[in-house]
């Protein structure tokens, strides 16, 4: 008789607690649904970008420079950026040296506001597409229109070998 009492009563209590916890979590998520939806959208975009088999970027409006070298990128043209931003992309080989690729943030006059780099996540010694990723902090930069520049790491200093892709962004 005692086993039936503990099993039945305990199971009922645990089920009730579980229902209350799940209901509470759903309520909190619905109250902050904008935050959860934005996180989901960004994560999905980043996951899609890193896949080399995906279709190339179809809409390259606004992108300039060697834009055909850029296969995919997690920051789309005219994206509003702020804080510390993680990004991922795929670009044709020939941009990397020792696994690094140059990243610059430029103002509208194409003067450098910030210099950084990203790192290859796949074999970088190839002419085939290479996955890369990095982080950049926009916090100290002036707000307004700017460019995200992906630039080949050119240790030779031979300017004729320079190539880059410019993506317009808006710093908030």
C-alpha atoms as a PDB file:
ATOM      1  CA  UNK A   1       0.000   0.000   0.000  1.00  0.00           C
ATOM      2  CA  UNK A   2       2.856   2.372   0.832  1.00  0.00           C
ATOM      3  CA  UNK A   3       4.593   1.894  -2.593  1.00  0.00           C
ATOM      4  CA  UNK A   4       1.371   2.786  -4.420  1.00  0.00           C
ATOM      5  CA  UNK A   5       0.902   5.898  -2.264  1.00  0.00           C
ATOM      6  CA  UNK A   6       4.432   7.254  -2.850  1.00  0.00           C
ATOM      7  CA  UNK A   7       4.518   6.331  -6.527  1.00  0.00           C
ATOM      8  CA  UNK A   8       1.143   7.777  -7.428  1.00  0.00           C
ATOM      9  CA  UNK A   9       1.240  10.901  -5.227  1.00  0.00           C
ATOM     10  CA  UNK A  10       4.906  11.680  -6.010  1.00  0.00           C
ATOM     11  CA  UNK A  11       4.331  11.283  -9.753  1.00  0.00           C
ATOM     12  CA  UNK A  12       1.344  13.629  -9.606  1.00  0.00           C
ATOM     13  CA  UNK A  13       3.310  16.269  -7.677  1.00  0.00           C
ATOM     14  CA  UNK A  14       6.314  16.055 -10.041  1.00  0.00           C
ATOM     15  CA  UNK A  15       4.040  16.356 -13.080  1.00  0.00           C
ATOM     16  CA  UNK A  16       2.336  19.420 -11.580  1.00  0.00           C
ATOM     17  CA  UNK A  17       5.725  21.060 -10.833  1.00  0.00           C
ATOM     18  CA  UNK A  18       6.922  20.323 -14.372  1.00  0.00           C
ATOM     19  CA  UNK A  19       3.782  21.852 -15.891  1.00  0.00           C
ATOM     20  CA  UNK A  20       4.215  24.988 -13.751  1.00  0.00           C
ATOM     21  CA  UNK A  21       7.893  25.350 -14.742  1.00  0.00           C
ATOM     22  CA  UNK A  22       7.205  24.899 -18.460  1.00  0.00           C
ATOM     23  CA  UNK A  23       4.295  27.349 -18.307  1.00  0.00           C
ATOM     24  CA  UNK A  24       6.504  29.895 -16.537  1.00  0.00           C
ATOM     25  CA  UNK A  25       9.266  29.520 -19.126  1.00  0.00           C
ATOM     26  CA  UNK A  26       6.796  29.966 -22.000  1.00  0.00           C
ATOM     27  CA  UNK A  27       5.333  33.051 -20.308  1.00  0.00           C
ATOM     28  CA  UNK A  28       8.801  34.623 -19.902  1.00  0.00           C
ATOM     29  CA  UNK A  29       9.720  33.845 -23.523  1.00  0.00           C
ATOM     30  CA  UNK A  30       6.475  35.383 -24.790  1.00  0.00           C
ATOM     31  CA  UNK A  31       7.127  38.526 -22.748  1.00  0.00           C
ATOM     32  CA  UNK A  32      10.589  38.810 -24.382  1.00  0.00           C
ATOM     33  CA  UNK A  33       9.762  37.236 -27.739  1.00  0.00           C
ATOM     34  CA  UNK A  34      11.595  39.940 -29.733  1.00  0.00           C
ATOM     35  CA  UNK A  35      14.862  39.060 -28.008  1.00  0.00           C
ATOM     36  CA  UNK A  36      14.425  35.326 -28.517  1.00  0.00           C
ATOM     37  CA  UNK A  37      13.387  35.718 -32.178  1.00  0.00           C
ATOM     38  CA  UNK A  38      16.397  37.971 -32.943  1.00  0.00           C
ATOM     39  CA  UNK A  39      18.795  35.499 -31.327  1.00  0.00           C
ATOM     40  CA  UNK A  40      17.256  32.661 -33.346  1.00  0.00           C
ATOM     41  CA  UNK A  41      17.459  34.632 -36.633  1.00  0.00           C
ATOM     42  CA  UNK A  42      21.106  35.600 -36.044  1.00  0.00           C
ATOM     43  CA  UNK A  43      22.103  32.052 -35.090  1.00  0.00           C
ATOM     44  CA  UNK A  44      20.372  30.638 -38.174  1.00  0.00           C
ATOM     45  CA  UNK A  45      22.115  33.193 -40.409  1.00  0.00           C
ATOM     46  CA  UNK A  46      25.520  32.371 -38.916  1.00  0.00           C
ATOM     47  CA  UNK A  47      24.948  28.613 -39.257  1.00  0.00           C
ATOM     48  CA  UNK A  48      23.958  29.016 -42.928  1.00  0.00           C
ATOM     49  CA  UNK A  49      26.946  31.216 -43.775  1.00  0.00           C
ATOM     50  CA  UNK A  50      29.635  28.748 -42.719  1.00  0.00           C
ATOM     51  CA  UNK A  51      28.415  25.965 -45.016  1.00  0.00           C
ATOM     52  CA  UNK A  52      30.578  25.918 -48.177  1.00  0.00           C
ATOM     53  CA  UNK A  53      27.934  24.000 -50.123  1.00  0.00           C
ATOM     54  CA  UNK A  54      25.324  26.728 -49.837  1.00  0.00           C
ATOM     55  CA  UNK A  55      24.340  28.912 -52.750  1.00  0.00           C
ATOM     56  CA  UNK A  56      26.535  31.980 -53.322  1.00  0.00           C
ATOM     57  CA  UNK A  57      25.244  35.356 -52.143  1.00  0.00           C
ATOM     58  CA  UNK A  58      22.606  36.343 -54.675  1.00  0.00           C
ATOM     59  CA  UNK A  59      22.040  39.944 -53.607  1.00  0.00           C
ATOM     60  CA  UNK A  60      25.348  41.788 -53.582  1.00  0.00           C
ATOM     61  CA  UNK A  61      23.743  45.229 -53.968  1.00  0.00           C
ATOM     62  CA  UNK A  62      25.931  47.803 -52.287  1.00  0.00           C
ATOM     63  CA  UNK A  63      28.966  45.510 -52.021  1.00  0.00           C
ATOM     64  CA  UNK A  64      31.963  46.841 -53.935  1.00  0.00           C
ATOM     65  CA  UNK A  65      35.550  45.872 -54.668  1.00  0.00           C
ATOM     66  CA  UNK A  66      36.253  42.225 -55.499  1.00  0.00           C
ATOM     67  CA  UNK A  67      32.670  41.293 -54.587  1.00  0.00           C
ATOM     68  CA  UNK A  68      32.657  38.121 -56.682  1.00  0.00           C
ATOM     69  CA  UNK A  69      35.334  36.695 -54.354  1.00  0.00           C
ATOM     70  CA  UNK A  70      32.888  36.797 -51.427  1.00  0.00           C
ATOM     71  CA  UNK A  71      30.846  33.574 -51.354  1.00  0.00           C
ATOM     72  CA  UNK A  72      28.831  34.296 -48.197  1.00  0.00           C
ATOM     73  CA  UNK A  73      28.986  36.586 -45.185  1.00  0.00           C
ATOM     74  CA  UNK A  74      26.944  36.938 -42.020  1.00  0.00           C
ATOM     75  CA  UNK A  75      26.786  40.749 -42.217  1.00  0.00           C
ATOM     76  CA  UNK A  76      24.523  41.794 -45.053  1.00  0.00           C
ATOM     77  CA  UNK A  77      24.826  45.186 -46.771  1.00  0.00           C
ATOM     78  CA  UNK A  78      23.408  48.095 -44.732  1.00  0.00           C
ATOM     79  CA  UNK A  79      23.157  46.035 -41.539  1.00  0.00           C
ATOM     80  CA  UNK A  80      22.989  48.119 -38.357  1.00  0.00           C
ATOM     81  CA  UNK A  81      25.865  47.066 -36.108  1.00  0.00           C
ATOM     82  CA  UNK A  82      26.856  47.878 -32.524  1.00  0.00           C
ATOM     83  CA  UNK A  83      28.803  46.460 -29.587  1.00  0.00           C
ATOM     84  CA  UNK A  84      30.957  43.389 -30.060  1.00  0.00           C
ATOM     85  CA  UNK A  85      29.904  41.555 -33.188  1.00  0.00           C
ATOM     86  CA  UNK A  86      30.829  38.014 -34.221  1.00  0.00           C
ATOM     87  CA  UNK A  87      30.872  37.324 -37.936  1.00  0.00           C
ATOM     88  CA  UNK A  88      31.551  34.427 -40.281  1.00  0.00           C
ATOM     89  CA  UNK A  89      32.041  34.148 -43.974  1.00  0.00           C
ATOM     90  CA  UNK A  90      33.370  32.225 -46.919  1.00  0.00           C
ATOM     91  CA  UNK A  91      35.711  33.859 -49.437  1.00  0.00           C
ATOM     92  CA  UNK A  92      37.783  32.566 -52.316  1.00  0.00           C
ATOM     93  CA  UNK A  93      41.328  31.595 -51.409  1.00  0.00           C
ATOM     94  CA  UNK A  94      44.216  33.992 -51.898  1.00  0.00           C
ATOM     95  CA  UNK A  95      43.148  36.404 -49.145  1.00  0.00           C
ATOM     96  CA  UNK A  96      44.971  34.653 -46.314  1.00  0.00           C
ATOM     97  CA  UNK A  97      48.513  34.647 -44.986  1.00  0.00           C
ATOM     98  CA  UNK A  98      49.353  32.337 -42.086  1.00  0.00           C
ATOM     99  CA  UNK A  99      45.607  31.750 -41.675  1.00  0.00           C
ATOM    100  CA  UNK A 100      44.775  35.468 -41.199  1.00  0.00           C
ATOM    101  CA  UNK A 101      42.664  37.798 -43.300  1.00  0.00           C
ATOM    102  CA  UNK A 102      42.564  41.572 -42.832  1.00  0.00           C
ATOM    103  CA  UNK A 103      39.446  43.303 -41.529  1.00  0.00           C
ATOM    104  CA  UNK A 104      39.035  47.082 -41.489  1.00  0.00           C
ATOM    105  CA  UNK A 105      36.184  49.372 -40.570  1.00  0.00           C
ATOM    106  CA  UNK A 106      36.243  52.430 -42.824  1.00  0.00           C
ATOM    107  CA  UNK A 107      34.364  55.725 -42.747  1.00  0.00           C
ATOM    108  CA  UNK A 108      32.495  56.989 -45.811  1.00  0.00           C
ATOM    109  CA  UNK A 109      35.732  58.553 -47.119  1.00  0.00           C
ATOM    110  CA  UNK A 110      37.328  55.087 -46.834  1.00  0.00           C
ATOM    111  CA  UNK A 111      39.686  56.166 -44.061  1.00  0.00           C
ATOM    112  CA  UNK A 112      40.457  53.393 -41.558  1.00  0.00           C
ATOM    113  CA  UNK A 113      38.551  53.699 -38.265  1.00  0.00           C
ATOM    114  CA  UNK A 114      39.613  50.310 -36.906  1.00  0.00           C
ATOM    115  CA  UNK A 115      41.924  47.504 -37.995  1.00  0.00           C
ATOM    116  CA  UNK A 116      41.426  43.868 -37.068  1.00  0.00           C
ATOM    117  CA  UNK A 117      41.725  40.410 -38.529  1.00  0.00           C
ATOM    118  CA  UNK A 118      39.769  37.203 -38.863  1.00  0.00           C
ATOM    119  CA  UNK A 119      41.080  33.650 -38.909  1.00  0.00           C
ATOM    120  CA  UNK A 120      40.611  30.823 -41.385  1.00  0.00           C
ATOM    121  CA  UNK A 121      38.537  27.913 -40.115  1.00  0.00           C
ATOM    122  CA  UNK A 122      39.377  25.642 -43.033  1.00  0.00           C
ATOM    123  CA  UNK A 123      42.520  25.075 -45.089  1.00  0.00           C
ATOM    124  CA  UNK A 124      43.670  28.566 -46.117  1.00  0.00           C
ATOM    125  CA  UNK A 125      46.445  27.464 -48.511  1.00  0.00           C
ATOM    126  CA  UNK A 126      44.068  26.930 -51.414  1.00  0.00           C
ATOM    127  CA  UNK A 127      42.404  28.773 -54.254  1.00  0.00           C
ATOM    128  CA  UNK A 128      39.143  27.133 -53.184  1.00  0.00           C
ATOM    129  CA  UNK A 129      36.667  28.909 -50.844  1.00  0.00           C
ATOM    130  CA  UNK A 130      37.885  29.320 -47.247  1.00  0.00           C
ATOM    131  CA  UNK A 131      35.688  29.681 -44.141  1.00  0.00           C
ATOM    132  CA  UNK A 132      36.706  32.442 -41.739  1.00  0.00           C
ATOM    133  CA  UNK A 133      35.391  34.037 -38.567  1.00  0.00           C
ATOM    134  CA  UNK A 134      36.166  36.814 -36.128  1.00  0.00           C
ATOM    135  CA  UNK A 135      34.862  39.394 -33.663  1.00  0.00           C
ATOM    136  CA  UNK A 136      35.009  43.179 -33.762  1.00  0.00           C
ATOM    137  CA  UNK A 137      34.009  45.841 -31.240  1.00  0.00           C
ATOM    138  CA  UNK A 138      32.054  48.765 -32.693  1.00  0.00           C
ATOM    139  CA  UNK A 139      31.558  50.448 -29.290  1.00  0.00           C
ATOM    140  CA  UNK A 140      34.304  53.111 -29.569  1.00  0.00           C
ATOM    141  CA  UNK A 141      33.566  53.965 -33.215  1.00  0.00           C
ATOM    142  CA  UNK A 142      31.585  57.000 -34.408  1.00  0.00           C
ATOM    143  CA  UNK A 143      27.978  56.286 -35.285  1.00  0.00           C
ATOM    144  CA  UNK A 144      26.727  56.462 -38.847  1.00  0.00           C
ATOM    145  CA  UNK A 145      27.373  54.932 -42.266  1.00  0.00           C
ATOM    146  CA  UNK A 146      30.636  53.036 -42.724  1.00  0.00           C
ATOM    147  CA  UNK A 147      32.195  50.117 -44.582  1.00  0.00           C
ATOM    148  CA  UNK A 148      33.226  46.663 -43.384  1.00  0.00           C
ATOM    149  CA  UNK A 149      36.318  45.829 -45.443  1.00  0.00           C
ATOM    150  CA  UNK A 150      37.553  42.275 -45.955  1.00  0.00           C
ATOM    151  CA  UNK A 151      41.107  42.658 -47.217  1.00  0.00           C
ATOM    152  CA  UNK A 152      43.715  40.178 -48.304  1.00  0.00           C
ATOM    153  CA  UNK A 153      46.663  39.850 -45.924  1.00  0.00           C
ATOM    154  CA  UNK A 154      49.454  41.003 -48.198  1.00  0.00           C
ATOM    155  CA  UNK A 155      52.853  40.677 -46.467  1.00  0.00           C
ATOM    156  CA  UNK A 156      54.736  41.591 -49.657  1.00  0.00           C
ATOM    157  CA  UNK A 157      53.588  45.241 -49.504  1.00  0.00           C
ATOM    158  CA  UNK A 158      53.202  45.080 -53.287  1.00  0.00           C
ATOM    159  CA  UNK A 159      50.061  47.238 -53.632  1.00  0.00           C
ATOM    160  CA  UNK A 160      49.261  45.711 -57.049  1.00  0.00           C
ATOM    161  CA  UNK A 161      48.425  42.477 -55.198  1.00  0.00           C
ATOM    162  CA  UNK A 162      45.908  44.160 -52.866  1.00  0.00           C
ATOM    163  CA  UNK A 163      42.296  43.088 -53.109  1.00  0.00           C
ATOM    164  CA  UNK A 164      39.323  43.749 -50.883  1.00  0.00           C
ATOM    165  CA  UNK A 165      35.565  43.580 -50.542  1.00  0.00           C
ATOM    166  CA  UNK A 166      33.637  46.555 -49.116  1.00  0.00           C
ATOM    167  CA  UNK A 167      30.280  45.985 -47.416  1.00  0.00           C
ATOM    168  CA  UNK A 168      28.279  49.075 -46.422  1.00  0.00           C
ATOM    169  CA  UNK A 169      27.106  49.046 -42.776  1.00  0.00           C
ATOM    170  CA  UNK A 170      25.563  51.476 -40.296  1.00  0.00           C
ATOM    171  CA  UNK A 171      27.226  51.818 -36.881  1.00  0.00           C
ATOM    172  CA  UNK A 172      24.656  52.466 -34.138  1.00  0.00           C
END
